C-alpha cells in the first residue's frame, strides 16, 4: 500500500470552482482498481505554530492506493485527463508526495 499527498495550488479566488470539478471526479476515482481512499481537504485554522497560516488558494488530496501501478494507471485514466482539461488555467501547480508505511 502507498499513500499520496497531492497539494494543488489554484488561481487566486478560484478554489471553490476547482473543488466543484474535483468533487465530481471523486466517485470515478474511488471506483478505479486499486484505489483505497481519495478525497480533497482544505487547511483548518488551528493556531498551532508549526502549521502555519491556512492557504486559501490551495487544497490537498489525501489518497491511498494498493500500489504504484494503480497510481500510475489513475494518472492516465480518461476521467483524469478530462478533469485536467476542465481546470487548465485554474490550477497553477501540483506537487505529489508518494509514501509507504515505515
PDB file of N, CA and C in Angstrom:
ATOM      1  N   UNK A   1       0.845  -1.178   0.000  1.00  0.00           N
ATOM      2  CA  UNK A   1       0.000   0.000   0.000  1.00  0.00           C
ATOM      3  C   UNK A   1       0.885   1.234   0.000  1.00  0.00           C
ATOM      4  N   UNK A   2       0.418   2.278  -0.696  1.00  0.00           N
ATOM      5  CA  UNK A   2       1.107   3.568  -0.696  1.00  0.00           C
ATOM      6  C   UNK A   2       0.107   4.664  -0.344  1.00  0.00           C
ATOM      7  N   UNK A   3       0.637   5.734   0.157  1.00  0.00           N
ATOM      8  CA  UNK A   3      -0.128   6.943   0.418  1.00  0.00           C
ATOM      9  C   UNK A   3       0.346   8.015  -0.558  1.00  0.00           C
ATOM     10  N   UNK A   4      -0.572   8.879  -0.944  1.00  0.00           N
ATOM     11  CA  UNK A   4      -0.215  10.019  -1.783  1.00  0.00           C
ATOM     12  C   UNK A   4      -0.808  11.261  -1.145  1.00  0.00           C
ATOM     13  N   UNK A   5       0.006  12.296  -1.035  1.00  0.00           N
ATOM     14  CA  UNK A   5      -0.446  13.612  -0.604  1.00  0.00           C
ATOM     15  C   UNK A   5      -0.184  14.544  -1.779  1.00  0.00           C
ATOM     16  N   UNK A   6      -1.258  14.996  -2.397  1.00  0.00           N
ATOM     17  CA  UNK A   6      -1.158  15.886  -3.552  1.00  0.00           C
ATOM     18  C   UNK A   6      -1.590  17.284  -3.130  1.00  0.00           C
ATOM     19  N   UNK A   7      -0.713  18.245  -3.290  1.00  0.00           N
ATOM     20  CA  UNK A   7      -1.016  19.634  -2.955  1.00  0.00           C
ATOM     21  C   UNK A   7      -1.261  20.385  -4.254  1.00  0.00           C
ATOM     22  N   UNK A   8      -2.435  20.995  -4.350  1.00  0.00           N
ATOM     23  CA  UNK A   8      -2.855  21.654  -5.578  1.00  0.00           C
ATOM     24  C   UNK A   8      -3.020  23.145  -5.322  1.00  0.00           C
ATOM     25  N   UNK A   9      -2.244  23.931  -6.041  1.00  0.00           N
ATOM     26  CA  UNK A   9      -2.296  25.396  -5.954  1.00  0.00           C
ATOM     27  C   UNK A   9      -3.178  25.901  -7.085  1.00  0.00           C
ATOM     28  N   UNK A  10      -4.173  26.719  -6.736  1.00  0.00           N
ATOM     29  CA  UNK A  10      -5.101  27.233  -7.744  1.00  0.00           C
ATOM     30  C   UNK A  10      -4.971  28.744  -7.870  1.00  0.00           C
ATOM     31  N   UNK A  11      -5.514  29.268  -8.954  1.00  0.00           N
ATOM     32  CA  UNK A  11      -5.504  30.713  -9.183  1.00  0.00           C
ATOM     33  C   UNK A  11      -6.239  31.407  -8.026  1.00  0.00           C
ATOM     34  N   UNK A  12      -5.775  32.585  -7.632  1.00  0.00           N
ATOM     35  CA  UNK A  12      -6.402  33.296  -6.513  1.00  0.00           C
ATOM     36  C   UNK A  12      -7.918  33.425  -6.690  1.00  0.00           C
ATOM     37  N   UNK A  13      -8.630  33.062  -5.627  1.00  0.00           N
ATOM     38  CA  UNK A  13     -10.082  33.186  -5.614  1.00  0.00           C
ATOM     39  C   UNK A  13     -10.838  32.120  -6.384  1.00  0.00           C
ATOM     40  N   UNK A  14     -10.163  31.114  -6.909  1.00  0.00           N
ATOM     41  CA  UNK A  14     -10.818  30.112  -7.770  1.00  0.00           C
ATOM     42  C   UNK A  14     -10.916  28.722  -7.131  1.00  0.00           C
ATOM     43  N   UNK A  15     -10.548  28.596  -5.854  1.00  0.00           N
ATOM     44  CA  UNK A  15     -10.539  27.276  -5.221  1.00  0.00           C
ATOM     45  C   UNK A  15     -11.911  26.610  -5.232  1.00  0.00           C
ATOM     46  N   UNK A  16     -12.968  27.344  -4.907  1.00  0.00           N
ATOM     47  CA  UNK A  16     -14.313  26.751  -4.865  1.00  0.00           C
ATOM     48  C   UNK A  16     -14.702  26.179  -6.226  1.00  0.00           C
ATOM     49  N   UNK A  17     -14.370  26.891  -7.267  1.00  0.00           N
ATOM     50  CA  UNK A  17     -14.678  26.442  -8.635  1.00  0.00           C
ATOM     51  C   UNK A  17     -13.936  25.151  -8.977  1.00  0.00           C
ATOM     52  N   UNK A  18     -12.655  25.102  -8.644  1.00  0.00           N
ATOM     53  CA  UNK A  18     -11.868  23.904  -8.920  1.00  0.00           C
ATOM     54  C   UNK A  18     -12.356  22.742  -8.059  1.00  0.00           C
ATOM     55  N   UNK A  19     -12.674  23.012  -6.793  1.00  0.00           N
ATOM     56  CA  UNK A  19     -13.169  21.946  -5.917  1.00  0.00           C
ATOM     57  C   UNK A  19     -14.493  21.360  -6.403  1.00  0.00           C
ATOM     58  N   UNK A  20     -15.338  22.170  -7.004  1.00  0.00           N
ATOM     59  CA  UNK A  20     -16.592  21.654  -7.567  1.00  0.00           C
ATOM     60  C   UNK A  20     -16.289  20.623  -8.647  1.00  0.00           C
ATOM     61  N   UNK A  21     -15.367  20.938  -9.537  1.00  0.00           N
ATOM     62  CA  UNK A  21     -14.973  19.997 -10.584  1.00  0.00           C
ATOM     63  C   UNK A  21     -14.313  18.759  -9.981  1.00  0.00           C
ATOM     64  N   UNK A  22     -13.479  18.979  -8.977  1.00  0.00           N
ATOM     65  CA  UNK A  22     -12.759  17.876  -8.357  1.00  0.00           C
ATOM     66  C   UNK A  22     -13.720  16.917  -7.655  1.00  0.00           C
ATOM     67  N   UNK A  23     -14.670  17.454  -6.915  1.00  0.00           N
ATOM     68  CA  UNK A  23     -15.610  16.601  -6.174  1.00  0.00           C
ATOM     69  C   UNK A  23     -16.458  15.750  -7.120  1.00  0.00           C
ATOM     70  N   UNK A  24     -16.731  16.238  -8.313  1.00  0.00           N
ATOM     71  CA  UNK A  24     -17.464  15.439  -9.303  1.00  0.00           C
ATOM     72  C   UNK A  24     -16.618  14.249  -9.772  1.00  0.00           C
ATOM     73  N   UNK A  25     -15.319  14.378  -9.685  1.00  0.00           N
ATOM     74  CA  UNK A  25     -14.377  13.353 -10.108  1.00  0.00           C
ATOM     75  C   UNK A  25     -14.211  12.235  -9.077  1.00  0.00           C
ATOM     76  N   UNK A  26     -14.404  12.539  -7.810  1.00  0.00           N
ATOM     77  CA  UNK A  26     -14.098  11.610  -6.713  1.00  0.00           C
ATOM     78  C   UNK A  26     -14.762  10.240  -6.878  1.00  0.00           C
ATOM     79  N   UNK A  27     -16.068  10.136  -7.159  1.00  0.00           N
ATOM     80  CA  UNK A  27     -16.663   8.797  -7.286  1.00  0.00           C
ATOM     81  C   UNK A  27     -16.036   7.961  -8.403  1.00  0.00           C
ATOM     82  N   UNK A  28     -15.615   8.601  -9.480  1.00  0.00           N
ATOM     83  CA  UNK A  28     -14.966   7.881 -10.576  1.00  0.00           C
ATOM     84  C   UNK A  28     -13.617   7.323 -10.140  1.00  0.00           C
ATOM     85  N   UNK A  29     -12.892   8.110  -9.363  1.00  0.00           N
ATOM     86  CA  UNK A  29     -11.582   7.661  -8.886  1.00  0.00           C
ATOM     87  C   UNK A  29     -11.743   6.547  -7.860  1.00  0.00           C
ATOM     88  N   UNK A  30     -12.696   6.686  -6.956  1.00  0.00           N
ATOM     89  CA  UNK A  30     -12.914   5.648  -5.948  1.00  0.00           C
ATOM     90  C   UNK A  30     -13.284   4.310  -6.577  1.00  0.00           C
ATOM     91  N   UNK A  31     -13.848   4.344  -7.774  1.00  0.00           N
ATOM     92  CA  UNK A  31     -14.216   3.110  -8.484  1.00  0.00           C
ATOM     93  C   UNK A  31     -13.029   2.481  -9.227  1.00  0.00           C
ATOM     94  N   UNK A  32     -11.909   3.190  -9.307  1.00  0.00           N
ATOM     95  CA  UNK A  32     -10.742   2.668 -10.008  1.00  0.00           C
ATOM     96  C   UNK A  32     -10.149   1.471  -9.266  1.00  0.00           C
ATOM     97  N   UNK A  33      -9.620   0.539 -10.036  1.00  0.00           N
ATOM     98  CA  UNK A  33      -8.933  -0.621  -9.459  1.00  0.00           C
ATOM     99  C   UNK A  33      -7.738  -0.138  -8.641  1.00  0.00           C
ATOM    100  N   UNK A  34      -7.671  -0.560  -7.404  1.00  0.00           N
ATOM    101  CA  UNK A  34      -6.542  -0.229  -6.551  1.00  0.00           C
ATOM    102  C   UNK A  34      -6.698   1.021  -5.711  1.00  0.00           C
ATOM    103  N   UNK A  35      -7.786   1.765  -5.893  1.00  0.00           N
ATOM    104  CA  UNK A  35      -7.993   2.968  -5.084  1.00  0.00           C
ATOM    105  C   UNK A  35      -8.633   2.576  -3.753  1.00  0.00           C
ATOM    106  N   UNK A  36      -7.994   2.965  -2.655  1.00  0.00           N
ATOM    107  CA  UNK A  36      -8.493   2.656  -1.317  1.00  0.00           C
ATOM    108  C   UNK A  36      -9.080   3.882  -0.621  1.00  0.00           C
ATOM    109  N   UNK A  37      -8.599   5.056  -0.997  1.00  0.00           N
ATOM    110  CA  UNK A  37      -9.083   6.309  -0.399  1.00  0.00           C
ATOM    111  C   UNK A  37      -8.695   7.452  -1.314  1.00  0.00           C
ATOM    112  N   UNK A  38      -9.590   8.447  -1.429  1.00  0.00           N
ATOM    113  CA  UNK A  38      -9.301   9.573  -2.322  1.00  0.00           C
ATOM    114  C   UNK A  38     -10.254  10.703  -1.961  1.00  0.00           C
ATOM    115  N   UNK A  39      -9.727  11.826  -1.492  1.00  0.00           N
ATOM    116  CA  UNK A  39     -10.605  12.936  -1.170  1.00  0.00           C
ATOM    117  C   UNK A  39      -9.857  14.242  -0.949  1.00  0.00           C
ATOM    118  N   UNK A  40     -10.519  15.352  -1.282  1.00  0.00           N
ATOM    119  CA  UNK A  40      -9.908  16.663  -1.101  1.00  0.00           C
ATOM    120  C   UNK A  40     -10.056  17.144   0.340  1.00  0.00           C
ATOM    121  N   UNK A  41      -9.070  17.912   0.787  1.00  0.00           N
ATOM    122  CA  UNK A  41      -9.098  18.534   2.104  1.00  0.00           C
ATOM    123  C   UNK A  41      -8.620  19.976   1.972  1.00  0.00           C
ATOM    124  N   UNK A  42      -9.023  20.807   2.921  1.00  0.00           N
ATOM    125  CA  UNK A  42      -8.555  22.199   2.966  1.00  0.00           C
ATOM    126  C   UNK A  42      -7.989  22.473   4.352  1.00  0.00           C
ATOM    127  N   UNK A  43      -7.116  23.449   4.423  1.00  0.00           N
ATOM    128  CA  UNK A  43      -6.474  23.807   5.684  1.00  0.00           C
ATOM    129  C   UNK A  43      -7.497  24.275   6.713  1.00  0.00           C
ATOM    130  N   UNK A  44      -7.217  23.943   7.961  1.00  0.00           N
ATOM    131  CA  UNK A  44      -8.025  24.373   9.098  1.00  0.00           C
ATOM    132  C   UNK A  44      -7.175  25.304   9.947  1.00  0.00           C
ATOM    133  N   UNK A  45      -7.717  26.445  10.317  1.00  0.00           N
ATOM    134  CA  UNK A  45      -7.007  27.358  11.215  1.00  0.00           C
ATOM    135  C   UNK A  45      -7.034  26.764  12.616  1.00  0.00           C
ATOM    136  N   UNK A  46      -5.843  26.469  13.165  1.00  0.00           N
ATOM    137  CA  UNK A  46      -5.767  25.848  14.484  1.00  0.00           C
ATOM    138  C   UNK A  46      -5.017  26.688  15.501  1.00  0.00           C
ATOM    139  N   UNK A  47      -4.202  27.614  15.045  1.00  0.00           N
ATOM    140  CA  UNK A  47      -3.362  28.370  15.955  1.00  0.00           C
ATOM    141  C   UNK A  47      -2.102  27.618  16.351  1.00  0.00           C
ATOM    142  N   UNK A  48      -1.896  26.423  15.811  1.00  0.00           N
ATOM    143  CA  UNK A  48      -0.689  25.646  16.100  1.00  0.00           C
ATOM    144  C   UNK A  48       0.453  26.225  15.268  1.00  0.00           C
ATOM    145  N   UNK A  49       1.501  26.672  15.937  1.00  0.00           N
ATOM    146  CA  UNK A  49       2.585  27.404  15.273  1.00  0.00           C
ATOM    147  C   UNK A  49       3.236  26.607  14.141  1.00  0.00           C
ATOM    148  N   UNK A  50       3.424  25.328  14.316  1.00  0.00           N
ATOM    149  CA  UNK A  50       4.102  24.526  13.295  1.00  0.00           C
ATOM    150  C   UNK A  50       3.291  24.400  12.012  1.00  0.00           C
ATOM    151  N   UNK A  51       1.998  24.645  12.091  1.00  0.00           N
ATOM    152  CA  UNK A  51       1.145  24.507  10.916  1.00  0.00           C
ATOM    153  C   UNK A  51       1.307  25.661   9.941  1.00  0.00           C
ATOM    154  N   UNK A  52       1.488  26.833  10.399  1.00  0.00           N
ATOM    155  CA  UNK A  52       1.496  27.998   9.520  1.00  0.00           C
ATOM    156  C   UNK A  52       0.075  28.470   9.269  1.00  0.00           C
ATOM    157  N   UNK A  53      -0.059  29.481   8.464  1.00  0.00           N
ATOM    158  CA  UNK A  53      -1.373  30.060   8.177  1.00  0.00           C
ATOM    159  C   UNK A  53      -2.127  29.213   7.152  1.00  0.00           C
ATOM    160  N   UNK A  54      -3.454  29.201   7.240  1.00  0.00           N
ATOM    161  CA  UNK A  54      -4.244  28.488   6.222  1.00  0.00           C
ATOM    162  C   UNK A  54      -3.991  29.071   4.831  1.00  0.00           C
ATOM    163  N   UNK A  55      -3.987  28.195   3.850  1.00  0.00           N
ATOM    164  CA  UNK A  55      -3.756  28.601   2.463  1.00  0.00           C
ATOM    165  C   UNK A  55      -5.099  28.630   1.750  1.00  0.00           C
ATOM    166  N   UNK A  56      -5.531  29.819   1.358  1.00  0.00           N
ATOM    167  CA  UNK A  56      -6.851  29.995   0.743  1.00  0.00           C
ATOM    168  C   UNK A  56      -6.922  29.518  -0.700  1.00  0.00           C
ATOM    169  N   UNK A  57      -5.805  29.435  -1.356  1.00  0.00           N
ATOM    170  CA  UNK A  57      -5.793  29.070  -2.773  1.00  0.00           C
ATOM    171  C   UNK A  57      -5.105  27.727  -3.006  1.00  0.00           C
ATOM    172  N   UNK A  58      -5.231  26.854  -2.020  1.00  0.00           N
ATOM    173  CA  UNK A  58      -4.615  25.531  -2.081  1.00  0.00           C
ATOM    174  C   UNK A  58      -5.593  24.512  -1.512  1.00  0.00           C
ATOM    175  N   UNK A  59      -5.588  23.300  -2.057  1.00  0.00           N
ATOM    176  CA  UNK A  59      -6.236  22.186  -1.388  1.00  0.00           C
ATOM    177  C   UNK A  59      -5.333  20.972  -1.508  1.00  0.00           C
ATOM    178  N   UNK A  60      -5.538  20.041  -0.608  1.00  0.00           N
ATOM    179  CA  UNK A  60      -4.693  18.864  -0.524  1.00  0.00           C
ATOM    180  C   UNK A  60      -5.554  17.622  -0.712  1.00  0.00           C
ATOM    181  N   UNK A  61      -5.087  16.723  -1.552  1.00  0.00           N
ATOM    182  CA  UNK A  61      -5.793  15.463  -1.784  1.00  0.00           C
ATOM    183  C   UNK A  61      -5.050  14.375  -1.018  1.00  0.00           C
ATOM    184  N   UNK A  62      -5.809  13.661  -0.186  1.00  0.00           N
ATOM    185  CA  UNK A  62      -5.252  12.558   0.583  1.00  0.00           C
ATOM    186  C   UNK A  62      -5.705  11.269  -0.097  1.00  0.00           C
ATOM    187  N   UNK A  63      -4.741  10.425  -0.453  1.00  0.00           N
ATOM    188  CA  UNK A  63      -5.032   9.226  -1.247  1.00  0.00           C
ATOM    189  C   UNK A  63      -4.340   8.008  -0.632  1.00  0.00           C
ATOM    190  N   UNK A  64      -4.954   6.851  -0.852  1.00  0.00           N
ATOM    191  CA  UNK A  64      -4.324   5.561  -0.543  1.00  0.00           C
ATOM    192  C   UNK A  64      -4.563   4.643  -1.731  1.00  0.00           C
ATOM    193  N   UNK A  65      -3.503   3.984  -2.174  1.00  0.00           N
ATOM    194  CA  UNK A  65      -3.555   3.094  -3.328  1.00  0.00           C
ATOM    195  C   UNK A  65      -2.940   1.757  -2.967  1.00  0.00           C
ATOM    196  N   UNK A  66      -3.380   0.711  -3.642  1.00  0.00           N
ATOM    197  CA  UNK A  66      -2.812  -0.615  -3.403  1.00  0.00           C
ATOM    198  C   UNK A  66      -1.324  -0.643  -3.734  1.00  0.00           C
ATOM    199  N   UNK A  67      -0.935   0.040  -4.831  1.00  0.00           N
ATOM    200  CA  UNK A  67       0.470   0.025  -5.245  1.00  0.00           C
ATOM    201  C   UNK A  67       0.719   1.142  -6.256  1.00  0.00           C
ATOM    202  N   UNK A  68       1.983   1.293  -6.632  1.00  0.00           N
ATOM    203  CA  UNK A  68       2.377   2.349  -7.575  1.00  0.00           C
ATOM    204  C   UNK A  68       1.740   2.124  -8.944  1.00  0.00           C
ATOM    205  N   UNK A  69       1.595   0.883  -9.360  1.00  0.00           N
ATOM    206  CA  UNK A  69       0.963   0.607 -10.656  1.00  0.00           C
ATOM    207  C   UNK A  69      -0.455   1.157 -10.707  1.00  0.00           C
ATOM    208  N   UNK A  70      -1.214   0.999  -9.617  1.00  0.00           N
ATOM    209  CA  UNK A  70      -2.579   1.535  -9.567  1.00  0.00           C
ATOM    210  C   UNK A  70      -2.554   3.056  -9.646  1.00  0.00           C
ATOM    211  N   UNK A  71      -1.608   3.677  -8.957  1.00  0.00           N
ATOM    212  CA  UNK A  71      -1.478   5.138  -9.015  1.00  0.00           C
ATOM    213  C   UNK A  71      -1.133   5.598 -10.428  1.00  0.00           C
ATOM    214  N   UNK A  72      -0.214   4.915 -11.087  1.00  0.00           N
ATOM    215  CA  UNK A  72       0.166   5.317 -12.438  1.00  0.00           C
ATOM    216  C   UNK A  72      -1.005   5.158 -13.407  1.00  0.00           C
ATOM    217  N   UNK A  73      -1.795   4.101 -13.255  1.00  0.00           N
ATOM    218  CA  UNK A  73      -2.980   3.934 -14.102  1.00  0.00           C
ATOM    219  C   UNK A  73      -3.971   5.062 -13.841  1.00  0.00           C
ATOM    220  N   UNK A  74      -4.129   5.445 -12.586  1.00  0.00           N
ATOM    221  CA  UNK A  74      -5.034   6.546 -12.222  1.00  0.00           C
ATOM    222  C   UNK A  74      -4.627   7.840 -12.922  1.00  0.00           C
ATOM    223  N   UNK A  75      -3.353   8.119 -12.940  1.00  0.00           N
ATOM    224  CA  UNK A  75      -2.882   9.379 -13.522  1.00  0.00           C
ATOM    225  C   UNK A  75      -3.228   9.506 -14.999  1.00  0.00           C
ATOM    226  N   UNK A  76      -3.404   8.379 -15.680  1.00  0.00           N
ATOM    227  CA  UNK A  76      -3.718   8.402 -17.109  1.00  0.00           C
ATOM    228  C   UNK A  76      -5.171   8.015 -17.407  1.00  0.00           C
ATOM    229  N   UNK A  77      -5.981   7.853 -16.381  1.00  0.00           N
ATOM    230  CA  UNK A  77      -7.392   7.482 -16.578  1.00  0.00           C
ATOM    231  C   UNK A  77      -8.106   8.561 -17.392  1.00  0.00           C
ATOM    232  N   UNK A  78      -9.026   8.175 -18.273  1.00  0.00           N
ATOM    233  CA  UNK A  78      -9.726   9.161 -19.108  1.00  0.00           C
ATOM    234  C   UNK A  78     -10.393  10.277 -18.303  1.00  0.00           C
ATOM    235  N   UNK A  79     -11.005   9.947 -17.170  1.00  0.00           N
ATOM    236  CA  UNK A  79     -11.662  10.993 -16.376  1.00  0.00           C
ATOM    237  C   UNK A  79     -10.648  11.969 -15.767  1.00  0.00           C
ATOM    238  N   UNK A  80      -9.429  11.518 -15.528  1.00  0.00           N
ATOM    239  CA  UNK A  80      -8.402  12.444 -15.040  1.00  0.00           C
ATOM    240  C   UNK A  80      -7.964  13.390 -16.150  1.00  0.00           C
ATOM    241  N   UNK A  81      -7.841  12.878 -17.352  1.00  0.00           N
ATOM    242  CA  UNK A  81      -7.475  13.734 -18.480  1.00  0.00           C
ATOM    243  C   UNK A  81      -8.553  14.774 -18.743  1.00  0.00           C
ATOM    244  N   UNK A  82      -9.818  14.367 -18.628  1.00  0.00           N
ATOM    245  CA  UNK A  82     -10.937  15.301 -18.806  1.00  0.00           C
ATOM    246  C   UNK A  82     -10.925  16.371 -17.717  1.00  0.00           C
ATOM    247  N   UNK A  83     -10.711  15.944 -16.468  1.00  0.00           N
ATOM    248  CA  UNK A  83     -10.646  16.898 -15.348  1.00  0.00           C
ATOM    249  C   UNK A  83      -9.531  17.922 -15.585  1.00  0.00           C
ATOM    250  N   UNK A  84      -8.357  17.450 -15.959  1.00  0.00           N
ATOM    251  CA  UNK A  84      -7.232  18.374 -16.186  1.00  0.00           C
ATOM    252  C   UNK A  84      -7.560  19.399 -17.269  1.00  0.00           C
ATOM    253  N   UNK A  85      -8.266  18.971 -18.310  1.00  0.00           N
ATOM    254  CA  UNK A  85      -8.649  19.906 -19.374  1.00  0.00           C
ATOM    255  C   UNK A  85      -9.630  20.950 -18.844  1.00  0.00           C
ATOM    256  N   UNK A  86     -10.554  20.529 -17.979  1.00  0.00           N
ATOM    257  CA  UNK A  86     -11.553  21.453 -17.432  1.00  0.00           C
ATOM    258  C   UNK A  86     -10.935  22.519 -16.533  1.00  0.00           C
ATOM    259  N   UNK A  87      -9.884  22.159 -15.800  1.00  0.00           N
ATOM    260  CA  UNK A  87      -9.308  23.107 -14.839  1.00  0.00           C
ATOM    261  C   UNK A  87      -8.015  23.752 -15.342  1.00  0.00           C
ATOM    262  N   UNK A  88      -7.684  23.475 -16.591  1.00  0.00           N
ATOM    263  CA  UNK A  88      -6.480  24.083 -17.163  1.00  0.00           C
ATOM    264  C   UNK A  88      -6.590  25.605 -17.047  1.00  0.00           C
ATOM    265  N   UNK A  89      -5.539  26.227 -16.596  1.00  0.00           N
ATOM    266  CA  UNK A  89      -5.551  27.677 -16.398  1.00  0.00           C
ATOM    267  C   UNK A  89      -6.002  28.069 -15.001  1.00  0.00           C
ATOM    268  N   UNK A  90      -6.712  27.179 -14.309  1.00  0.00           N
ATOM    269  CA  UNK A  90      -7.131  27.445 -12.931  1.00  0.00           C
ATOM    270  C   UNK A  90      -6.176  26.818 -11.931  1.00  0.00           C
ATOM    271  N   UNK A  91      -5.574  25.694 -12.300  1.00  0.00           N
ATOM    272  CA  UNK A  91      -4.588  25.035 -11.445  1.00  0.00           C
ATOM    273  C   UNK A  91      -3.211  25.562 -11.830  1.00  0.00           C
ATOM    274  N   UNK A  92      -2.531  26.152 -10.867  1.00  0.00           N
ATOM    275  CA  UNK A  92      -1.225  26.752 -11.129  1.00  0.00           C
ATOM    276  C   UNK A  92      -0.082  25.770 -10.918  1.00  0.00           C
ATOM    277  N   UNK A  93      -0.332  24.750 -10.101  1.00  0.00           N
ATOM    278  CA  UNK A  93       0.721  23.778  -9.851  1.00  0.00           C
ATOM    279  C   UNK A  93       0.247  22.668  -8.944  1.00  0.00           C
ATOM    280  N   UNK A  94       0.888  21.516  -9.075  1.00  0.00           N
ATOM    281  CA  UNK A  94       0.585  20.362  -8.242  1.00  0.00           C
ATOM    282  C   UNK A  94       1.886  19.705  -7.815  1.00  0.00           C
ATOM    283  N   UNK A  95       1.966  19.351  -6.542  1.00  0.00           N
ATOM    284  CA  UNK A  95       3.099  18.579  -6.054  1.00  0.00           C
ATOM    285  C   UNK A  95       2.578  17.287  -5.448  1.00  0.00           C
ATOM    286  N   UNK A  96       3.345  16.222  -5.604  1.00  0.00           N
ATOM    287  CA  UNK A  96       2.969  14.921  -5.057  1.00  0.00           C
ATOM    288  C   UNK A  96       4.029  14.455  -4.080  1.00  0.00           C
ATOM    289  N   UNK A  97       3.569  13.816  -3.028  1.00  0.00           N
ATOM    290  CA  UNK A  97       4.438  13.051  -2.135  1.00  0.00           C
ATOM    291  C   UNK A  97       3.853  11.645  -2.142  1.00  0.00           C
ATOM    292  N   UNK A  98       4.646  10.669  -2.552  1.00  0.00           N
ATOM    293  CA  UNK A  98       4.214   9.278  -2.547  1.00  0.00           C
ATOM    294  C   UNK A  98       4.974   8.610  -1.402  1.00  0.00           C
ATOM    295  N   UNK A  99       4.231   8.004  -0.492  1.00  0.00           N
ATOM    296  CA  UNK A  99       4.791   7.490   0.749  1.00  0.00           C
ATOM    297  C   UNK A  99       4.403   6.038   0.956  1.00  0.00           C
ATOM    298  N   UNK A 100       5.189   5.331   1.746  1.00  0.00           N
ATOM    299  CA  UNK A 100       4.834   3.984   2.142  1.00  0.00           C
ATOM    300  C   UNK A 100       4.952   3.890   3.662  1.00  0.00           C
ATOM    301  N   UNK A 101       4.226   2.965   4.267  1.00  0.00           N
ATOM    302  CA  UNK A 101       4.332   2.820   5.715  1.00  0.00           C
ATOM    303  C   UNK A 101       5.788   2.527   6.117  1.00  0.00           C
ATOM    304  N   UNK A 102       6.200   3.099   7.214  1.00  0.00           N
ATOM    305  CA  UNK A 102       7.578   2.905   7.698  1.00  0.00           C
ATOM    306  C   UNK A 102       7.674   1.636   8.550  1.00  0.00           C
TER     307      UNK A 102
END
